Amino acid sequence: MSNDQLMETVYRGLKGRRFLIVIYDIWSIEAWDQMRRIFPNDDNRNRILLTTRLKYVANYVSCPDFPPHSIVFPKFKK
């Protein structure tokens, strides 16, 4: 099965359904642009939660209703 066939299969499987997708550590805008095509936008309150270490990816992926959330870890003194 080619990547395009796999993407079409996933899209058809999700179409018309409600879903929560969790994507861990997305690494580039290009990767997101390819992946987002498989998620139908049916306006039925689907959610996609993703994590990234890259601020520019988080800003690109975010929408006005859900801005990116950053976690700042404290630095410990030795």
N, C-alpha and C. Protein backbone atom coordinates (compact mmCIF):
# COMPACT_ATOMS: atom_id res chain seq x y z
N MET A 1 0.85 -1.17 0.00
CA MET A 1 0.00 0.00 0.00
C MET A 1 0.90 1.24 0.00
N SER A 2 0.62 2.17 -0.89
CA SER A 2 1.42 3.40 -0.96
C SER A 2 1.00 4.37 0.15
N ASN A 3 1.80 5.39 0.36
CA ASN A 3 1.46 6.41 1.36
C ASN A 3 0.14 7.09 1.03
N ASP A 4 -0.08 7.39 -0.24
CA ASP A 4 -1.33 8.04 -0.64
C ASP A 4 -2.54 7.14 -0.38
N GLN A 5 -2.39 5.86 -0.65
CA GLN A 5 -3.49 4.92 -0.38
C GLN A 5 -3.75 4.81 1.12
N LEU A 6 -2.69 4.77 1.91
CA LEU A 6 -2.84 4.71 3.36
C LEU A 6 -3.53 5.96 3.89
N MET A 7 -3.13 7.12 3.39
CA MET A 7 -3.75 8.37 3.82
C MET A 7 -5.23 8.40 3.45
N GLU A 8 -5.57 7.93 2.28
CA GLU A 8 -6.97 7.88 1.85
C GLU A 8 -7.78 6.92 2.73
N THR A 9 -7.19 5.80 3.09
CA THR A 9 -7.87 4.82 3.95
C THR A 9 -8.15 5.42 5.33
N VAL A 10 -7.16 6.09 5.89
CA VAL A 10 -7.35 6.72 7.21
C VAL A 10 -8.41 7.81 7.12
N TYR A 11 -8.34 8.64 6.08
CA TYR A 11 -9.31 9.72 5.90
C TYR A 11 -10.74 9.16 5.84
N ARG A 12 -10.93 8.14 5.05
CA ARG A 12 -12.27 7.54 4.92
C ARG A 12 -12.73 6.90 6.23
N GLY A 13 -11.80 6.34 6.98
CA GLY A 13 -12.15 5.74 8.26
C GLY A 13 -12.57 6.77 9.30
N LEU A 14 -12.01 7.97 9.20
CA LEU A 14 -12.34 9.02 10.16
C LEU A 14 -13.53 9.88 9.72
N LYS A 15 -13.80 9.92 8.44
CA LYS A 15 -14.85 10.78 7.89
C LYS A 15 -16.19 10.48 8.55
N GLY A 16 -16.83 11.52 9.08
CA GLY A 16 -18.14 11.38 9.70
C GLY A 16 -18.11 10.90 11.14
N ARG A 17 -16.94 10.66 11.68
CA ARG A 17 -16.82 10.19 13.06
C ARG A 17 -16.20 11.27 13.93
N ARG A 18 -16.40 11.12 15.23
CA ARG A 18 -15.71 11.99 16.18
C ARG A 18 -14.43 11.30 16.60
N PHE A 19 -13.36 12.10 16.75
CA PHE A 19 -12.09 11.49 17.11
C PHE A 19 -11.23 12.45 17.90
N LEU A 20 -10.32 11.87 18.66
CA LEU A 20 -9.24 12.58 19.34
C LEU A 20 -7.95 11.94 18.87
N ILE A 21 -7.10 12.72 18.26
CA ILE A 21 -5.81 12.24 17.76
C ILE A 21 -4.72 12.89 18.60
N VAL A 22 -3.77 12.11 19.08
CA VAL A 22 -2.62 12.62 19.82
C VAL A 22 -1.37 12.34 19.00
N ILE A 23 -0.63 13.39 18.69
CA ILE A 23 0.60 13.28 17.91
C ILE A 23 1.74 13.77 18.80
N TYR A 24 2.70 12.91 19.01
CA TYR A 24 3.80 13.21 19.92
C TYR A 24 5.04 13.66 19.14
N ASP A 25 5.56 14.81 19.50
CA ASP A 25 6.85 15.33 19.01
C ASP A 25 6.90 15.50 17.50
N ILE A 26 6.04 16.35 16.99
CA ILE A 26 6.09 16.66 15.56
C ILE A 26 7.30 17.57 15.32
N TRP A 27 8.01 17.34 14.26
CA TRP A 27 9.33 17.94 14.09
C TRP A 27 9.42 19.01 13.02
N SER A 28 8.38 19.15 12.18
CA SER A 28 8.49 20.17 11.14
C SER A 28 7.11 20.60 10.64
N ILE A 29 7.07 21.77 10.06
CA ILE A 29 5.85 22.28 9.46
C ILE A 29 5.44 21.40 8.28
N GLU A 30 6.42 20.96 7.52
CA GLU A 30 6.14 20.11 6.36
C GLU A 30 5.48 18.79 6.78
N ALA A 31 5.96 18.22 7.88
CA ALA A 31 5.37 16.97 8.37
C ALA A 31 3.91 17.21 8.76
N TRP A 32 3.63 18.33 9.42
CA TRP A 32 2.25 18.64 9.80
C TRP A 32 1.38 18.85 8.55
N ASP A 33 1.89 19.58 7.57
CA ASP A 33 1.10 19.83 6.36
C ASP A 33 0.72 18.52 5.66
N GLN A 34 1.61 17.55 5.68
CA GLN A 34 1.28 16.26 5.07
C GLN A 34 0.28 15.49 5.91
N MET A 35 0.45 15.51 7.22
CA MET A 35 -0.43 14.75 8.11
C MET A 35 -1.83 15.33 8.18
N ARG A 36 -1.96 16.63 8.16
CA ARG A 36 -3.27 17.25 8.38
C ARG A 36 -4.26 16.91 7.28
N ARG A 37 -3.77 16.50 6.12
CA ARG A 37 -4.67 16.15 5.02
C ARG A 37 -5.51 14.91 5.32
N ILE A 38 -5.06 14.08 6.25
CA ILE A 38 -5.81 12.85 6.53
C ILE A 38 -6.92 13.05 7.56
N PHE A 39 -6.98 14.23 8.17
CA PHE A 39 -7.99 14.47 9.20
C PHE A 39 -9.14 15.29 8.63
N PRO A 40 -10.32 14.68 8.47
CA PRO A 40 -11.46 15.42 7.92
C PRO A 40 -11.91 16.53 8.87
N ASN A 41 -12.39 17.62 8.30
CA ASN A 41 -12.94 18.71 9.09
C ASN A 41 -14.45 18.70 8.90
N ASP A 42 -15.13 17.90 9.70
CA ASP A 42 -16.58 17.73 9.59
C ASP A 42 -17.35 18.61 10.56
N ASP A 43 -16.67 19.48 11.27
CA ASP A 43 -17.31 20.33 12.27
C ASP A 43 -18.09 19.52 13.31
N ASN A 44 -17.56 18.36 13.70
CA ASN A 44 -18.23 17.59 14.74
C ASN A 44 -17.34 17.46 15.98
N ARG A 45 -16.63 18.54 16.27
CA ARG A 45 -15.88 18.72 17.51
C ARG A 45 -14.72 17.75 17.66
N ASN A 46 -14.10 17.40 16.58
CA ASN A 46 -12.89 16.57 16.63
C ASN A 46 -11.75 17.39 17.21
N ARG A 47 -10.79 16.70 17.79
CA ARG A 47 -9.63 17.38 18.37
C ARG A 47 -8.36 16.66 17.97
N ILE A 48 -7.32 17.47 17.76
CA ILE A 48 -5.99 16.94 17.50
C ILE A 48 -5.06 17.62 18.50
N LEU A 49 -4.42 16.83 19.32
CA LEU A 49 -3.48 17.32 20.32
C LEU A 49 -2.09 16.91 19.86
N LEU A 50 -1.20 17.88 19.78
CA LEU A 50 0.15 17.51 19.39
C LEU A 50 1.18 18.20 20.26
N THR A 51 2.32 17.57 20.34
CA THR A 51 3.44 18.14 21.08
C THR A 51 4.59 18.38 20.12
N THR A 52 5.39 19.37 20.46
CA THR A 52 6.59 19.67 19.70
C THR A 52 7.56 20.40 20.60
N ARG A 53 8.80 20.30 20.29
CA ARG A 53 9.82 21.05 21.02
C ARG A 53 10.12 22.37 20.33
N LEU A 54 9.55 22.56 19.16
CA LEU A 54 9.89 23.70 18.32
C LEU A 54 8.78 24.75 18.36
N LYS A 55 9.12 25.92 18.84
CA LYS A 55 8.14 27.00 19.00
C LYS A 55 7.52 27.40 17.67
N TYR A 56 8.31 27.47 16.60
CA TYR A 56 7.76 27.88 15.32
C TYR A 56 6.76 26.87 14.77
N VAL A 57 6.94 25.60 15.07
CA VAL A 57 5.96 24.59 14.66
C VAL A 57 4.67 24.77 15.46
N ALA A 58 4.79 24.99 16.76
CA ALA A 58 3.61 25.20 17.60
C ALA A 58 2.83 26.42 17.14
N ASN A 59 3.52 27.50 16.82
CA ASN A 59 2.84 28.71 16.35
C ASN A 59 2.16 28.49 15.01
N TYR A 60 2.77 27.73 14.13
CA TYR A 60 2.21 27.45 12.81
C TYR A 60 0.95 26.59 12.92
N VAL A 61 0.98 25.61 13.79
CA VAL A 61 -0.11 24.65 13.91
C VAL A 61 -1.29 25.21 14.70
N SER A 62 -1.05 26.15 15.58
CA SER A 62 -2.09 26.64 16.48
C SER A 62 -3.18 27.40 15.73
N CYS A 63 -4.31 27.55 16.40
CA CYS A 63 -5.40 28.36 15.87
C CYS A 63 -5.75 29.42 16.92
N PRO A 64 -6.46 30.47 16.54
CA PRO A 64 -6.74 31.56 17.50
C PRO A 64 -7.48 31.10 18.75
N ASP A 65 -8.35 30.11 18.63
CA ASP A 65 -9.10 29.65 19.80
C ASP A 65 -8.26 28.83 20.77
N PHE A 66 -7.18 28.24 20.27
CA PHE A 66 -6.33 27.38 21.09
C PHE A 66 -4.86 27.71 20.85
N PRO A 67 -4.36 28.77 21.49
CA PRO A 67 -2.94 29.13 21.29
C PRO A 67 -2.03 28.07 21.90
N PRO A 68 -0.77 28.02 21.46
CA PRO A 68 0.15 27.02 22.01
C PRO A 68 0.40 27.25 23.50
N HIS A 69 0.63 26.17 24.18
CA HIS A 69 0.95 26.21 25.60
C HIS A 69 2.41 25.79 25.77
N SER A 70 3.17 26.58 26.48
CA SER A 70 4.59 26.27 26.69
C SER A 70 4.82 25.85 28.13
N ILE A 71 5.70 24.91 28.29
CA ILE A 71 6.11 24.49 29.62
C ILE A 71 7.56 24.90 29.81
N VAL A 72 7.81 25.63 30.86
CA VAL A 72 9.17 26.05 31.19
C VAL A 72 9.60 25.26 32.42
N PHE A 73 10.64 24.52 32.26
CA PHE A 73 11.14 23.72 33.37
C PHE A 73 12.13 24.54 34.19
N PRO A 74 12.04 24.46 35.50
CA PRO A 74 12.98 25.23 36.33
C PRO A 74 14.39 24.66 36.23
N LYS A 75 15.35 25.55 36.33
CA LYS A 75 16.75 25.12 36.32
C LYS A 75 17.19 24.94 37.77
N PHE A 76 17.78 23.82 38.03
CA PHE A 76 18.23 23.51 39.38
C PHE A 76 19.70 23.87 39.54
N LYS A 77 20.01 24.43 40.68
CA LYS A 77 21.41 24.77 40.98
C LYS A 77 22.10 23.54 41.53
N LYS A 78 23.35 23.38 41.18
CA LYS A 78 24.13 22.26 41.71
C LYS A 78 24.80 22.63 42.99
